[in-house]
Amino acid sequence: MVLCVMQAAIYPGNVLSLYMKKPSSFKYKSGMYLFVKCPDVSPFEWHPFSITSAPGDDYLSVHIRTLGDWTTELRNLFGKACEEEVNSKKATLSRLETTVIAEGAEENTK
């Protein structure tokens, strides 16, 4: 399932938060996670992150602590996109591909 990143923020402690539009048919429970792939970082790597939004929210969010090479590069890419957005006043955040695995069923859509 490909999701569009609506908002990104970088917090103290090198934490990147990503907010994505939640598909209306997507249901999840607290404690579930999703896999994230960012082709601009690596075309083949997928990384799991806990979903930090509540099941009743109309968006999905993840908070990613920058610890390794992949998360550092992801933070840097979104940092540049956020900086450009602030400077140009345009909402042009990069797309982030995700595959969501919920209750053993995997969905891939575009």
PDB file of N, CA and C in Angstrom:
ATOM      1  N   MET A   1       0.861  -1.159   0.000  1.00  0.00           N
ATOM      2  CA  MET A   1       0.000   0.000   0.000  1.00  0.00           C
ATOM      3  C   MET A   1       0.911   1.226   0.000  1.00  0.00           C
ATOM      4  N   VAL A   2       0.803   2.068  -0.972  1.00  0.00           N
ATOM      5  CA  VAL A   2       1.597   3.282  -1.064  1.00  0.00           C
ATOM      6  C   VAL A   2       0.833   4.407  -0.388  1.00  0.00           C
ATOM      7  N   LEU A   3       1.489   5.061   0.552  1.00  0.00           N
ATOM      8  CA  LEU A   3       0.851   6.144   1.289  1.00  0.00           C
ATOM      9  C   LEU A   3       1.591   7.443   1.044  1.00  0.00           C
ATOM     10  N   CYS A   4       0.869   8.530   1.026  1.00  0.00           N
ATOM     11  CA  CYS A   4       1.448   9.847   0.816  1.00  0.00           C
ATOM     12  C   CYS A   4       1.745  10.489   2.165  1.00  0.00           C
ATOM     13  N   VAL A   5       2.944  10.997   2.315  1.00  0.00           N
ATOM     14  CA  VAL A   5       3.310  11.693   3.551  1.00  0.00           C
ATOM     15  C   VAL A   5       2.717  13.096   3.492  1.00  0.00           C
ATOM     16  N   MET A   6       1.865  13.408   4.474  1.00  0.00           N
ATOM     17  CA  MET A   6       1.208  14.712   4.520  1.00  0.00           C
ATOM     18  C   MET A   6       2.038  15.725   5.298  1.00  0.00           C
ATOM     19  N   GLN A   7       2.744  15.231   6.326  1.00  0.00           N
ATOM     20  CA  GLN A   7       3.490  16.130   7.199  1.00  0.00           C
ATOM     21  C   GLN A   7       4.674  15.372   7.770  1.00  0.00           C
ATOM     22  N   ALA A   8       5.771  16.081   7.944  1.00  0.00           N
ATOM     23  CA  ALA A   8       6.951  15.518   8.590  1.00  0.00           C
ATOM     24  C   ALA A   8       7.512  16.568   9.532  1.00  0.00           C
ATOM     25  N   ALA A   9       8.093  16.105  10.623  1.00  0.00           N
ATOM     26  CA  ALA A   9       8.712  17.014  11.583  1.00  0.00           C
ATOM     27  C   ALA A   9       9.912  16.322  12.204  1.00  0.00           C
ATOM     28  N   ILE A  10      10.888  17.120  12.580  1.00  0.00           N
ATOM     29  CA  ILE A  10      12.067  16.594  13.265  1.00  0.00           C
ATOM     30  C   ILE A  10      12.084  17.199  14.658  1.00  0.00           C
ATOM     31  N   TYR A  11      12.146  16.328  15.652  1.00  0.00           N
ATOM     32  CA  TYR A  11      12.109  16.739  17.047  1.00  0.00           C
ATOM     33  C   TYR A  11      13.473  16.575  17.703  1.00  0.00           C
ATOM     34  N   PRO A  12      13.676  17.212  18.851  1.00  0.00           N
ATOM     35  CA  PRO A  12      14.939  17.022  19.576  1.00  0.00           C
ATOM     36  C   PRO A  12      15.190  15.539  19.830  1.00  0.00           C
ATOM     37  N   GLY A  13      16.446  15.162  19.848  1.00  0.00           N
ATOM     38  CA  GLY A  13      16.789  13.765  20.029  1.00  0.00           C
ATOM     39  C   GLY A  13      16.838  13.035  18.701  1.00  0.00           C
ATOM     40  N   ASN A  14      16.813  13.805  17.588  1.00  0.00           N
ATOM     41  CA  ASN A  14      16.843  13.230  16.238  1.00  0.00           C
ATOM     42  C   ASN A  14      15.706  12.246  15.998  1.00  0.00           C
ATOM     43  N   VAL A  15      14.504  12.680  16.296  1.00  0.00           N
ATOM     44  CA  VAL A  15      13.307  11.882  16.039  1.00  0.00           C
ATOM     45  C   VAL A  15      12.566  12.494  14.861  1.00  0.00           C
ATOM     46  N   LEU A  16      12.330  11.676  13.847  1.00  0.00           N
ATOM     47  CA  LEU A  16      11.580  12.088  12.674  1.00  0.00           C
ATOM     48  C   LEU A  16      10.161  11.562  12.813  1.00  0.00           C
ATOM     49  N   SER A  17       9.176  12.434  12.688  1.00  0.00           N
ATOM     50  CA  SER A  17       7.783  11.978  12.703  1.00  0.00           C
ATOM     51  C   SER A  17       7.218  12.148  11.296  1.00  0.00           C
ATOM     52  N   LEU A  18       6.496  11.129  10.866  1.00  0.00           N
ATOM     53  CA  LEU A  18       5.848  11.153   9.561  1.00  0.00           C
ATOM     54  C   LEU A  18       4.361  10.928   9.753  1.00  0.00           C
ATOM     55  N   TYR A  19       3.558  11.779   9.141  1.00  0.00           N
ATOM     56  CA  TYR A  19       2.106  11.674   9.202  1.00  0.00           C
ATOM     57  C   TYR A  19       1.609  11.400   7.788  1.00  0.00           C
ATOM     58  N   MET A  20       0.866  10.308   7.635  1.00  0.00           N
ATOM     59  CA  MET A  20       0.388   9.874   6.329  1.00  0.00           C
ATOM     60  C   MET A  20      -1.130   9.784   6.322  1.00  0.00           C
ATOM     61  N   LYS A  21      -1.709   9.971   5.157  1.00  0.00           N
ATOM     62  CA  LYS A  21      -3.161   9.824   5.017  1.00  0.00           C
ATOM     63  C   LYS A  21      -3.514   8.353   5.197  1.00  0.00           C
ATOM     64  N   LYS A  22      -4.477   8.090   6.079  1.00  0.00           N
ATOM     65  CA  LYS A  22      -4.887   6.707   6.343  1.00  0.00           C
ATOM     66  C   LYS A  22      -5.993   6.309   5.375  1.00  0.00           C
ATOM     67  N   PRO A  23      -5.793   5.215   4.640  1.00  0.00           N
ATOM     68  CA  PRO A  23      -6.861   4.729   3.764  1.00  0.00           C
ATOM     69  C   PRO A  23      -8.094   4.369   4.587  1.00  0.00           C
ATOM     70  N   SER A  24      -9.261   4.656   4.081  1.00  0.00           N
ATOM     71  CA  SER A  24     -10.491   4.427   4.842  1.00  0.00           C
ATOM     72  C   SER A  24     -10.701   2.958   5.187  1.00  0.00           C
ATOM     73  N   SER A  25     -10.193   2.063   4.370  1.00  0.00           N
ATOM     74  CA  SER A  25     -10.382   0.633   4.624  1.00  0.00           C
ATOM     75  C   SER A  25      -9.320   0.047   5.553  1.00  0.00           C
ATOM     76  N   PHE A  26      -8.329   0.834   5.922  1.00  0.00           N
ATOM     77  CA  PHE A  26      -7.233   0.321   6.741  1.00  0.00           C
ATOM     78  C   PHE A  26      -7.609   0.359   8.221  1.00  0.00           C
ATOM     79  N   LYS A  27      -7.605  -0.792   8.838  1.00  0.00           N
ATOM     80  CA  LYS A  27      -7.915  -0.905  10.266  1.00  0.00           C
ATOM     81  C   LYS A  27      -6.695  -1.477  10.983  1.00  0.00           C
ATOM     82  N   TYR A  28      -6.423  -0.974  12.171  1.00  0.00           N
ATOM     83  CA  TYR A  28      -5.304  -1.489  12.952  1.00  0.00           C
ATOM     84  C   TYR A  28      -5.600  -1.329  14.433  1.00  0.00           C
ATOM     85  N   LYS A  29      -4.810  -2.000  15.235  1.00  0.00           N
ATOM     86  CA  LYS A  29      -4.943  -1.949  16.690  1.00  0.00           C
ATOM     87  C   LYS A  29      -3.674  -1.368  17.285  1.00  0.00           C
ATOM     88  N   SER A  30      -3.775  -0.847  18.492  1.00  0.00           N
ATOM     89  CA  SER A  30      -2.601  -0.336  19.193  1.00  0.00           C
ATOM     90  C   SER A  30      -1.544  -1.423  19.269  1.00  0.00           C
ATOM     91  N   GLY A  31      -0.298  -1.025  19.073  1.00  0.00           N
ATOM     92  CA  GLY A  31       0.805  -1.968  19.143  1.00  0.00           C
ATOM     93  C   GLY A  31       1.214  -2.555  17.806  1.00  0.00           C
ATOM     94  N   MET A  32       0.443  -2.287  16.751  1.00  0.00           N
ATOM     95  CA  MET A  32       0.793  -2.824  15.436  1.00  0.00           C
ATOM     96  C   MET A  32       1.898  -1.966  14.814  1.00  0.00           C
ATOM     97  N   TYR A  33       2.504  -2.498  13.781  1.00  0.00           N
ATOM     98  CA  TYR A  33       3.591  -1.794  13.116  1.00  0.00           C
ATOM     99  C   TYR A  33       3.410  -1.874  11.606  1.00  0.00           C
ATOM    100  N   LEU A  34       4.201  -1.068  10.919  1.00  0.00           N
ATOM    101  CA  LEU A  34       4.206  -1.114   9.464  1.00  0.00           C
ATOM    102  C   LEU A  34       5.657  -1.088   8.993  1.00  0.00           C
ATOM    103  N   PHE A  35       5.862  -1.525   7.768  1.00  0.00           N
ATOM    104  CA  PHE A  35       7.189  -1.518   7.170  1.00  0.00           C
ATOM    105  C   PHE A  35       7.303  -0.299   6.259  1.00  0.00           C
ATOM    106  N   VAL A  36       8.454   0.353   6.309  1.00  0.00           N
ATOM    107  CA  VAL A  36       8.700   1.542   5.510  1.00  0.00           C
ATOM    108  C   VAL A  36       9.854   1.274   4.543  1.00  0.00           C
ATOM    109  N   LYS A  37       9.640   1.666   3.291  1.00  0.00           N
ATOM    110  CA  LYS A  37      10.711   1.648   2.291  1.00  0.00           C
ATOM    111  C   LYS A  37      10.756   3.023   1.661  1.00  0.00           C
ATOM    112  N   CYS A  38      11.940   3.587   1.575  1.00  0.00           N
ATOM    113  CA  CYS A  38      12.127   4.868   0.902  1.00  0.00           C
ATOM    114  C   CYS A  38      13.145   4.649  -0.212  1.00  0.00           C
ATOM    115  N   PRO A  39      12.694   4.571  -1.463  1.00  0.00           N
ATOM    116  CA  PRO A  39      13.606   4.291  -2.579  1.00  0.00           C
ATOM    117  C   PRO A  39      14.748   5.301  -2.716  1.00  0.00           C
ATOM    118  N   ASP A  40      14.553   6.523  -2.237  1.00  0.00           N
ATOM    119  CA  ASP A  40      15.627   7.508  -2.304  1.00  0.00           C
ATOM    120  C   ASP A  40      16.758   7.192  -1.327  1.00  0.00           C
ATOM    121  N   VAL A  41      16.474   6.372  -0.328  1.00  0.00           N
ATOM    122  CA  VAL A  41      17.508   5.925   0.608  1.00  0.00           C
ATOM    123  C   VAL A  41      18.083   4.600   0.136  1.00  0.00           C
ATOM    124  N   SER A  42      17.210   3.642  -0.107  1.00  0.00           N
ATOM    125  CA  SER A  42      17.603   2.323  -0.601  1.00  0.00           C
ATOM    126  C   SER A  42      16.405   1.708  -1.314  1.00  0.00           C
ATOM    127  N   PRO A  43      16.591   1.262  -2.555  1.00  0.00           N
ATOM    128  CA  PRO A  43      15.452   0.729  -3.301  1.00  0.00           C
ATOM    129  C   PRO A  43      14.949  -0.626  -2.803  1.00  0.00           C
ATOM    130  N   PHE A  44      15.693  -1.299  -1.931  1.00  0.00           N
ATOM    131  CA  PHE A  44      15.313  -2.652  -1.520  1.00  0.00           C
ATOM    132  C   PHE A  44      15.095  -2.838  -0.026  1.00  0.00           C
ATOM    133  N   GLU A  45      15.486  -1.891   0.802  1.00  0.00           N
ATOM    134  CA  GLU A  45      15.395  -2.074   2.253  1.00  0.00           C
ATOM    135  C   GLU A  45      14.047  -1.648   2.800  1.00  0.00           C
ATOM    136  N   TRP A  46      13.501  -2.510   3.672  1.00  0.00           N
ATOM    137  CA  TRP A  46      12.255  -2.249   4.395  1.00  0.00           C
ATOM    138  C   TRP A  46      12.574  -2.250   5.876  1.00  0.00           C
ATOM    139  N   HIS A  47      11.999  -1.303   6.626  1.00  0.00           N
ATOM    140  CA  HIS A  47      12.251  -1.213   8.059  1.00  0.00           C
ATOM    141  C   HIS A  47      10.926  -1.118   8.817  1.00  0.00           C
ATOM    142  N   PRO A  48      10.790  -1.875   9.915  1.00  0.00           N
ATOM    143  CA  PRO A  48       9.538  -1.850  10.685  1.00  0.00           C
ATOM    144  C   PRO A  48       9.523  -0.704  11.700  1.00  0.00           C
ATOM    145  N   PHE A  49       8.372  -0.049  11.823  1.00  0.00           N
ATOM    146  CA  PHE A  49       8.189   1.010  12.814  1.00  0.00           C
ATOM    147  C   PHE A  49       6.801   0.887  13.417  1.00  0.00           C
ATOM    148  N   SER A  50       6.722   1.104  14.709  1.00  0.00           N
ATOM    149  CA  SER A  50       5.432   1.070  15.400  1.00  0.00           C
ATOM    150  C   SER A  50       4.560   2.222  14.932  1.00  0.00           C
ATOM    151  N   ILE A  51       3.280   1.939  14.767  1.00  0.00           N
ATOM    152  CA  ILE A  51       2.317   2.986  14.420  1.00  0.00           C
ATOM    153  C   ILE A  51       2.040   3.777  15.691  1.00  0.00           C
ATOM    154  N   THR A  52       2.253   5.085  15.638  1.00  0.00           N
ATOM    155  CA  THR A  52       2.101   5.903  16.844  1.00  0.00           C
ATOM    156  C   THR A  52       0.775   6.653  16.898  1.00  0.00           C
ATOM    157  N   SER A  53       0.016   6.635  15.825  1.00  0.00           N
ATOM    158  CA  SER A  53      -1.308   7.265  15.853  1.00  0.00           C
ATOM    159  C   SER A  53      -2.309   6.294  16.485  1.00  0.00           C
ATOM    160  N   ALA A  54      -3.393   6.861  17.003  1.00  0.00           N
ATOM    161  CA  ALA A  54      -4.444   6.037  17.597  1.00  0.00           C
ATOM    162  C   ALA A  54      -5.308   5.439  16.490  1.00  0.00           C
ATOM    163  N   PRO A  55      -5.862   4.248  16.713  1.00  0.00           N
ATOM    164  CA  PRO A  55      -6.702   3.620  15.680  1.00  0.00           C
ATOM    165  C   PRO A  55      -7.855   4.500  15.205  1.00  0.00           C
ATOM    166  N   GLY A  56      -8.362   5.388  16.028  1.00  0.00           N
ATOM    167  CA  GLY A  56      -9.472   6.248  15.643  1.00  0.00           C
ATOM    168  C   GLY A  56      -9.066   7.507  14.894  1.00  0.00           C
ATOM    169  N   ASP A  57      -7.763   7.780  14.798  1.00  0.00           N
ATOM    170  CA  ASP A  57      -7.299   8.971  14.081  1.00  0.00           C
ATOM    171  C   ASP A  57      -7.532   8.819  12.584  1.00  0.00           C
ATOM    172  N   ASP A  58      -7.624   9.944  11.883  1.00  0.00           N
ATOM    173  CA  ASP A  58      -7.826   9.891  10.435  1.00  0.00           C
ATOM    174  C   ASP A  58      -6.500   9.924   9.672  1.00  0.00           C
ATOM    175  N   TYR A  59      -5.414   9.709  10.362  1.00  0.00           N
ATOM    176  CA  TYR A  59      -4.083   9.662   9.757  1.00  0.00           C
ATOM    177  C   TYR A  59      -3.284   8.536  10.401  1.00  0.00           C
ATOM    178  N   LEU A  60      -2.189   8.161   9.758  1.00  0.00           N
ATOM    179  CA  LEU A  60      -1.228   7.211  10.330  1.00  0.00           C
ATOM    180  C   LEU A  60       0.029   7.989  10.661  1.00  0.00           C
ATOM    181  N   SER A  61       0.650   7.677  11.771  1.00  0.00           N
ATOM    182  CA  SER A  61       1.922   8.319  12.076  1.00  0.00           C
ATOM    183  C   SER A  61       2.915   7.296  12.604  1.00  0.00           C
ATOM    184  N   VAL A  62       4.179   7.581  12.334  1.00  0.00           N
ATOM    185  CA  VAL A  62       5.293   6.835  12.909  1.00  0.00           C
ATOM    186  C   VAL A  62       6.300   7.854  13.396  1.00  0.00           C
ATOM    187  N   HIS A  63       7.005   7.511  14.451  1.00  0.00           N
ATOM    188  CA  HIS A  63       8.085   8.336  14.970  1.00  0.00           C
ATOM    189  C   HIS A  63       9.345   7.490  14.893  1.00  0.00           C
ATOM    190  N   ILE A  64      10.346   8.005  14.195  1.00  0.00           N
ATOM    191  CA  ILE A  64      11.533   7.238  13.870  1.00  0.00           C
ATOM    192  C   ILE A  64      12.751   7.878  14.523  1.00  0.00           C
ATOM    193  N   ARG A  65      13.397   7.153  15.415  1.00  0.00           N
ATOM    194  CA  ARG A  65      14.618   7.629  16.063  1.00  0.00           C
ATOM    195  C   ARG A  65      15.792   7.369  15.134  1.00  0.00           C
ATOM    196  N   THR A  66      16.599   8.385  14.896  1.00  0.00           N
ATOM    197  CA  THR A  66      17.753   8.266  14.020  1.00  0.00           C
ATOM    198  C   THR A  66      18.867   7.538  14.757  1.00  0.00           C
ATOM    199  N   LEU A  67      19.103   6.276  14.365  1.00  0.00           N
ATOM    200  CA  LEU A  67      20.116   5.461  15.039  1.00  0.00           C
ATOM    201  C   LEU A  67      21.165   4.884  14.095  1.00  0.00           C
ATOM    202  N   GLY A  68      20.804   4.586  12.861  1.00  0.00           N
ATOM    203  CA  GLY A  68      21.738   3.947  11.924  1.00  0.00           C
ATOM    204  C   GLY A  68      21.819   4.710  10.618  1.00  0.00           C
ATOM    205  N   ASP A  69      22.508   4.106   9.656  1.00  0.00           N
ATOM    206  CA  ASP A  69      22.707   4.757   8.359  1.00  0.00           C
ATOM    207  C   ASP A  69      21.383   5.024   7.638  1.00  0.00           C
ATOM    208  N   TRP A  70      20.478   4.023   7.623  1.00  0.00           N
ATOM    209  CA  TRP A  70      19.227   4.158   6.889  1.00  0.00           C
ATOM    210  C   TRP A  70      18.345   5.242   7.502  1.00  0.00           C
ATOM    211  N   THR A  71      18.168   5.203   8.815  1.00  0.00           N
ATOM    212  CA  THR A  71      17.304   6.202   9.469  1.00  0.00           C
ATOM    213  C   THR A  71      17.934   7.592   9.416  1.00  0.00           C
ATOM    214  N   THR A  72      19.262   7.668   9.443  1.00  0.00           N
ATOM    215  CA  THR A  72      19.936   8.960   9.323  1.00  0.00           C
ATOM    216  C   THR A  72      19.687   9.558   7.944  1.00  0.00           C
ATOM    217  N   GLU A  73      19.808   8.749   6.905  1.00  0.00           N
ATOM    218  CA  GLU A  73      19.571   9.236   5.546  1.00  0.00           C
ATOM    219  C   GLU A  73      18.106   9.631   5.355  1.00  0.00           C
ATOM    220  N   LEU A  74      17.178   8.847   5.919  1.00  0.00           N
ATOM    221  CA  LEU A  74      15.758   9.186   5.834  1.00  0.00           C
ATOM    222  C   LEU A  74      15.491  10.527   6.504  1.00  0.00           C
ATOM    223  N   ARG A  75      16.048  10.711   7.700  1.00  0.00           N
ATOM    224  CA  ARG A  75      15.890  11.979   8.421  1.00  0.00           C
ATOM    225  C   ARG A  75      16.462  13.130   7.610  1.00  0.00           C
ATOM    226  N   ASN A  76      17.628  12.936   7.007  1.00  0.00           N
ATOM    227  CA  ASN A  76      18.250  13.993   6.207  1.00  0.00           C
ATOM    228  C   ASN A  76      17.406  14.352   4.990  1.00  0.00           C
ATOM    229  N   LEU A  77      16.838  13.338   4.317  1.00  0.00           N
ATOM    230  CA  LEU A  77      15.987  13.608   3.151  1.00  0.00           C
ATOM    231  C   LEU A  77      14.750  14.408   3.531  1.00  0.00           C
ATOM    232  N   PHE A  78      14.086  14.000   4.605  1.00  0.00           N
ATOM    233  CA  PHE A  78      12.897  14.735   5.026  1.00  0.00           C
ATOM    234  C   PHE A  78      13.266  16.080   5.625  1.00  0.00           C
ATOM    235  N   GLY A  79      14.443  16.165   6.244  1.00  0.00           N
ATOM    236  CA  GLY A  79      14.916  17.452   6.753  1.00  0.00           C
ATOM    237  C   GLY A  79      15.076  18.457   5.620  1.00  0.00           C
ATOM    238  N   LYS A  80      15.651  18.012   4.498  1.00  0.00           N
ATOM    239  CA  LYS A  80      15.805  18.882   3.333  1.00  0.00           C
ATOM    240  C   LYS A  80      14.437  19.267   2.763  1.00  0.00           C
ATOM    241  N   ALA A  81      13.529  18.300   2.669  1.00  0.00           N
ATOM    242  CA  ALA A  81      12.186  18.579   2.145  1.00  0.00           C
ATOM    243  C   ALA A  81      11.449  19.562   3.044  1.00  0.00           C
ATOM    244  N   CYS A  82      11.566  19.387   4.352  1.00  0.00           N
ATOM    245  CA  CYS A  82      10.900  20.303   5.294  1.00  0.00           C
ATOM    246  C   CYS A  82      11.493  21.702   5.187  1.00  0.00           C
ATOM    247  N   GLU A  83      12.813  21.774   5.061  1.00  0.00           N
ATOM    248  CA  GLU A  83      13.477  23.075   4.945  1.00  0.00           C
ATOM    249  C   GLU A  83      13.053  23.785   3.665  1.00  0.00           C
ATOM    250  N   GLU A  84      12.991  23.056   2.558  1.00  0.00           N
ATOM    251  CA  GLU A  84      12.548  23.646   1.294  1.00  0.00           C
ATOM    252  C   GLU A  84      11.107  24.118   1.389  1.00  0.00           C
ATOM    253  N   GLU A  85      10.270  23.337   2.086  1.00  0.00           N
ATOM    254  CA  GLU A  85       8.860  23.711   2.237  1.00  0.00           C
ATOM    255  C   GLU A  85       8.732  25.001   3.024  1.00  0.00           C
ATOM    256  N   VAL A  86       9.512  25.144   4.090  1.00  0.00           N
ATOM    257  CA  VAL A  86       9.465  26.356   4.902  1.00  0.00           C
ATOM    258  C   VAL A  86       9.943  27.554   4.084  1.00  0.00           C
ATOM    259  N   ASN A  87      11.011  27.362   3.314  1.00  0.00           N
ATOM    260  CA  ASN A  87      11.562  28.466   2.528  1.00  0.00           C
ATOM    261  C   ASN A  87      10.686  28.870   1.357  1.00  0.00           C
ATOM    262  N   SER A  88       9.992  27.902   0.732  1.00  0.00           N
ATOM    263  CA  SER A  88       9.197  28.225  -0.450  1.00  0.00           C
ATOM    264  C   SER A  88       7.702  28.322  -0.163  1.00  0.00           C
ATOM    265  N   LYS A  89       7.273  27.930   1.031  1.00  0.00           N
ATOM    266  CA  LYS A  89       5.856  27.943   1.421  1.00  0.00           C
ATOM    267  C   LYS A  89       5.003  27.018   0.568  1.00  0.00           C
ATOM    268  N   LYS A  90       5.611  25.943   0.016  1.00  0.00           N
ATOM    269  CA  LYS A  90       4.872  24.974  -0.784  1.00  0.00           C
ATOM    270  C   LYS A  90       4.903  23.623  -0.092  1.00  0.00           C
ATOM    271  N   ALA A  91       3.789  22.914  -0.137  1.00  0.00           N
ATOM    272  CA  ALA A  91       3.714  21.571   0.438  1.00  0.00           C
ATOM    273  C   ALA A  91       4.203  20.567  -0.597  1.00  0.00           C
ATOM    274  N   THR A  92       5.496  20.251  -0.574  1.00  0.00           N
ATOM    275  CA  THR A  92       6.077  19.362  -1.575  1.00  0.00           C
ATOM    276  C   THR A  92       6.860  18.233  -0.922  1.00  0.00           C
ATOM    277  N   LEU A  93       6.346  17.657   0.139  1.00  0.00           N
ATOM    278  CA  LEU A  93       7.060  16.575   0.800  1.00  0.00           C
ATOM    279  C   LEU A  93       7.200  15.384  -0.134  1.00  0.00           C
ATOM    280  N   SER A  94       8.318  14.697   0.009  1.00  0.00           N
ATOM    281  CA  SER A  94       8.584  13.505  -0.803  1.00  0.00           C
ATOM    282  C   SER A  94       7.594  12.408  -0.464  1.00  0.00           C
ATOM    283  N   ARG A  95       7.316  11.549  -1.456  1.00  0.00           N
ATOM    284  CA  ARG A  95       6.451  10.394  -1.196  1.00  0.00           C
ATOM    285  C   ARG A  95       7.229   9.347  -0.435  1.00  0.00           C
ATOM    286  N   LEU A  96       6.555   8.619   0.370  1.00  0.00           N
ATOM    287  CA  LEU A  96       7.159   7.542   1.128  1.00  0.00           C
ATOM    288  C   LEU A  96       6.355   6.287   0.865  1.00  0.00           C
ATOM    289  N   GLU A  97       6.980   5.270   0.302  1.00  0.00           N
ATOM    290  CA  GLU A  97       6.271   4.026   0.040  1.00  0.00           C
ATOM    291  C   GLU A  97       6.229   3.199   1.305  1.00  0.00           C
ATOM    292  N   THR A  98       5.090   2.617   1.588  1.00  0.00           N
ATOM    293  CA  THR A  98       4.987   1.723   2.727  1.00  0.00           C
ATOM    294  C   THR A  98       4.194   0.490   2.340  1.00  0.00           C
ATOM    295  N   THR A  99       4.554  -0.595   2.949  1.00  0.00           N
ATOM    296  CA  THR A  99       3.737  -1.794   2.869  1.00  0.00           C
ATOM    297  C   THR A  99       3.210  -2.017   4.265  1.00  0.00           C
ATOM    298  N   VAL A 100       1.921  -2.186   4.383  1.00  0.00           N
ATOM    299  CA  VAL A 100       1.305  -2.373   5.687  1.00  0.00           C
ATOM    300  C   VAL A 100       0.902  -3.825   5.829  1.00  0.00           C
ATOM    301  N   ILE A 101       1.379  -4.455   6.879  1.00  0.00           N
ATOM    302  CA  ILE A 101       1.024  -5.840   7.145  1.00  0.00           C
ATOM    303  C   ILE A 101       0.181  -5.851   8.414  1.00  0.00           C
ATOM    304  N   ALA A 102      -1.067  -6.253   8.272  1.00  0.00           N
ATOM    305  CA  ALA A 102      -1.986  -6.252   9.407  1.00  0.00           C
ATOM    306  C   ALA A 102      -2.670  -7.607   9.521  1.00  0.00           C
ATOM    307  N   GLU A 103      -2.568  -8.224  10.665  1.00  0.00           N
ATOM    308  CA  GLU A 103      -3.209  -9.500  10.941  1.00  0.00           C
ATOM    309  C   GLU A 103      -2.888 -10.542   9.878  1.00  0.00           C
ATOM    310  N   GLY A 104      -1.613 -10.573   9.462  1.00  0.00           N
ATOM    311  CA  GLY A 104      -1.137 -11.602   8.553  1.00  0.00           C
ATOM    312  C   GLY A 104      -1.450 -11.383   7.093  1.00  0.00           C
ATOM    313  N   ALA A 105      -2.170 -10.332   6.749  1.00  0.00           N
ATOM    314  CA  ALA A 105      -2.509 -10.082   5.346  1.00  0.00           C
ATOM    315  C   ALA A 105      -1.684  -8.905   4.837  1.00  0.00           C
ATOM    316  N   GLU A 106      -1.026  -9.085   3.725  1.00  0.00           N
ATOM    317  CA  GLU A 106      -0.226  -8.019   3.145  1.00  0.00           C
ATOM    318  C   GLU A 106      -0.967  -7.419   1.964  1.00  0.00           C
ATOM    319  N   GLU A 107      -0.977  -6.077   1.893  1.00  0.00           N
ATOM    320  CA  GLU A 107      -1.630  -5.390   0.798  1.00  0.00           C
ATOM    321  C   GLU A 107      -0.610  -4.536   0.068  1.00  0.00           C
ATOM    322  N   ASN A 108      -0.593  -4.600  -1.225  1.00  0.00           N
ATOM    323  CA  ASN A 108       0.236  -3.728  -2.050  1.00  0.00           C
ATOM    324  C   ASN A 108      -0.659  -3.072  -3.084  1.00  0.00           C
ATOM    325  N   THR A 109      -0.793  -1.767  -3.022  1.00  0.00           N
ATOM    326  CA  THR A 109      -1.573  -1.043  -4.014  1.00  0.00           C
ATOM    327  C   THR A 109      -0.849   0.245  -4.355  1.00  0.00           C
ATOM    328  N   LYS A 110      -1.232   0.835  -5.450  1.00  0.00           N
ATOM    329  CA  LYS A 110      -0.634   2.127  -5.832  1.00  0.00           C
ATOM    330  C   LYS A 110      -1.709   3.151  -6.003  1.00  0.00           C
TER     331      LYS A 110
END
